[in-house]
C-alpha cells in the first residue's frame, strides 16, 4: 500500500475509487437539488408536503456541502483520518460511508451522547 504521508493510509487506487464515488454522488445530489428547487418554485406542493420537500432540499444541500468537504480533504490528503483522534479510518468503512469523518470508537462516543 502506498502511503501519501505519515497520516493517510489509503493507496492511490483507494483514493481514486473514493474520489470517483464522491463525484458520482455529487452529480446525483446536484441533479436532485435542482429537481427539488424546481418543484418548490413551480408550487408543486401543498402546505403539508411543502415542509417535507423543504426538509429534503435542506438535507440535500448539507450532503452536497459534506461531499465538497470530503473532496477537499481528498485533495489535501487529510481524507481518511478521524477528526477527533486523528486515527486512520479503514477503507472498508470509507467505502461504505465515504462522508464519515470519525473512526468507529469516536463515532460510538458521539452516538452515546
Protein backbone atom coordinates (compact mmCIF):
# COMPACT_ATOMS: atom_id res chain seq x y z
CA UNK A 1 0.00 0.00 0.00
CA UNK A 2 1.30 3.43 -0.91
CA UNK A 3 1.36 5.99 1.85
CA UNK A 4 0.80 9.62 0.89
CA UNK A 5 2.25 10.81 4.18
CA UNK A 6 2.52 9.52 7.69
CA UNK A 7 -1.15 10.30 8.35
CA UNK A 8 -3.00 8.75 5.42
CA UNK A 9 -3.01 5.01 4.93
CA UNK A 10 -5.06 4.85 1.72
CA UNK A 11 -3.48 3.69 -1.53
CA UNK A 12 -3.68 5.74 -4.71
CA UNK A 13 -6.21 3.24 -6.09
CA UNK A 14 -8.37 3.54 -2.97
CA UNK A 15 -8.19 7.34 -3.11
CA UNK A 16 -9.22 7.24 -6.77
CA UNK A 17 -12.13 4.89 -6.01
CA UNK A 18 -13.43 7.15 -3.25
CA UNK A 19 -12.96 10.26 -5.41
CA UNK A 20 -14.96 8.70 -8.25
CA UNK A 21 -17.70 7.60 -5.86
CA UNK A 22 -17.94 11.06 -4.31
CA UNK A 23 -18.04 12.80 -7.69
CA UNK A 24 -20.84 10.48 -8.82
CA UNK A 25 -22.75 11.23 -5.61
CA UNK A 26 -22.16 14.95 -6.12
CA UNK A 27 -23.59 14.81 -9.64
CA UNK A 28 -26.64 12.83 -8.49
CA UNK A 29 -27.27 15.07 -5.46
CA UNK A 30 -26.87 18.24 -7.51
CA UNK A 31 -29.41 16.92 -10.01
CA UNK A 32 -31.76 16.05 -7.14
CA UNK A 33 -31.31 19.52 -5.66
CA UNK A 34 -32.25 21.11 -9.00
CA UNK A 35 -35.38 18.91 -9.15
CA UNK A 36 -36.41 19.85 -5.61
CA UNK A 37 -35.88 23.56 -6.23
CA UNK A 38 -37.89 23.43 -9.45
CA UNK A 39 -40.67 21.55 -7.68
CA UNK A 40 -40.86 24.18 -4.94
CA UNK A 41 -40.68 27.09 -7.39
CA UNK A 42 -43.48 25.63 -9.51
CA UNK A 43 -45.67 25.37 -6.44
CA UNK A 44 -45.98 21.60 -6.79
CA UNK A 45 -46.69 21.07 -3.11
CA UNK A 46 -49.48 21.77 -0.71
CA UNK A 47 -48.66 23.29 2.68
CA UNK A 48 -48.23 19.91 4.39
CA UNK A 49 -45.94 18.31 1.87
CA UNK A 50 -44.09 21.57 1.23
CA UNK A 51 -42.41 21.23 4.62
CA UNK A 52 -41.20 17.73 3.70
CA UNK A 53 -39.85 18.93 0.36
CA UNK A 54 -38.09 21.86 2.03
CA UNK A 55 -36.57 19.48 4.58
CA UNK A 56 -35.36 17.24 1.74
CA UNK A 57 -33.96 20.27 -0.01
CA UNK A 58 -32.03 21.36 3.10
CA UNK A 59 -30.73 17.82 3.69
CA UNK A 60 -29.57 17.59 0.08
CA UNK A 61 -27.77 20.94 0.38
CA UNK A 62 -26.00 19.72 3.56
CA UNK A 63 -24.98 16.49 1.86
CA UNK A 64 -23.59 18.39 -1.13
CA UNK A 65 -21.56 20.55 1.26
CA UNK A 66 -20.27 17.42 3.04
CA UNK A 67 -19.28 15.87 -0.28
CA UNK A 68 -17.39 19.05 -1.17
CA UNK A 69 -15.55 18.94 2.15
CA UNK A 70 -14.66 15.29 1.59
CA UNK A 71 -13.32 16.08 -1.88
CA UNK A 72 -11.27 18.92 -0.36
CA UNK A 73 -9.84 16.51 2.23
CA UNK A 74 -9.00 14.05 -0.57
CA UNK A 75 -7.19 16.81 -2.44
CA UNK A 76 -5.12 17.86 0.58
CA UNK A 77 -4.55 14.21 1.61
CA UNK A 78 -6.22 14.56 5.01
CA UNK A 79 -9.14 12.33 3.99
CA UNK A 80 -9.41 9.05 5.87
CA UNK A 81 -8.34 10.40 9.27
CA UNK A 82 -10.69 10.76 12.25
CA UNK A 83 -11.36 14.43 13.02
CA UNK A 84 -11.46 13.64 16.74
CA UNK A 85 -8.47 11.37 17.40
CA UNK A 86 -6.59 11.51 14.05
CA UNK A 87 -6.52 7.71 13.72
CA UNK A 88 -6.86 6.12 10.29
CA UNK A 89 -10.37 5.19 9.19
CA UNK A 90 -10.33 1.81 7.44
CA UNK A 91 -11.00 1.83 3.70
CA UNK A 92 -13.85 -0.64 4.19
CA UNK A 93 -15.68 1.92 6.34
CA UNK A 94 -14.91 4.76 3.94
CA UNK A 95 -16.15 2.72 1.00
CA UNK A 96 -19.49 2.16 2.73
CA UNK A 97 -19.72 5.65 4.29
CA UNK A 98 -17.44 7.94 2.27
CA UNK A 99 -18.62 11.05 4.10
CA UNK A 100 -17.65 9.71 7.50
CA UNK A 101 -15.22 11.82 9.47
CA UNK A 102 -14.95 9.60 12.54
CA UNK A 103 -13.39 6.24 13.36
CA UNK A 104 -15.75 3.71 14.95
CA UNK A 105 -14.67 4.34 18.58
CA UNK A 106 -15.22 8.11 18.20
CA UNK A 107 -18.50 7.55 16.33
CA UNK A 108 -19.74 5.39 19.20
CA UNK A 109 -18.81 8.13 21.67
CA UNK A 110 -20.81 10.67 19.66
CA UNK A 111 -23.82 8.36 19.46
CA UNK A 112 -23.71 7.78 23.21
CA UNK A 113 -24.06 11.50 23.94
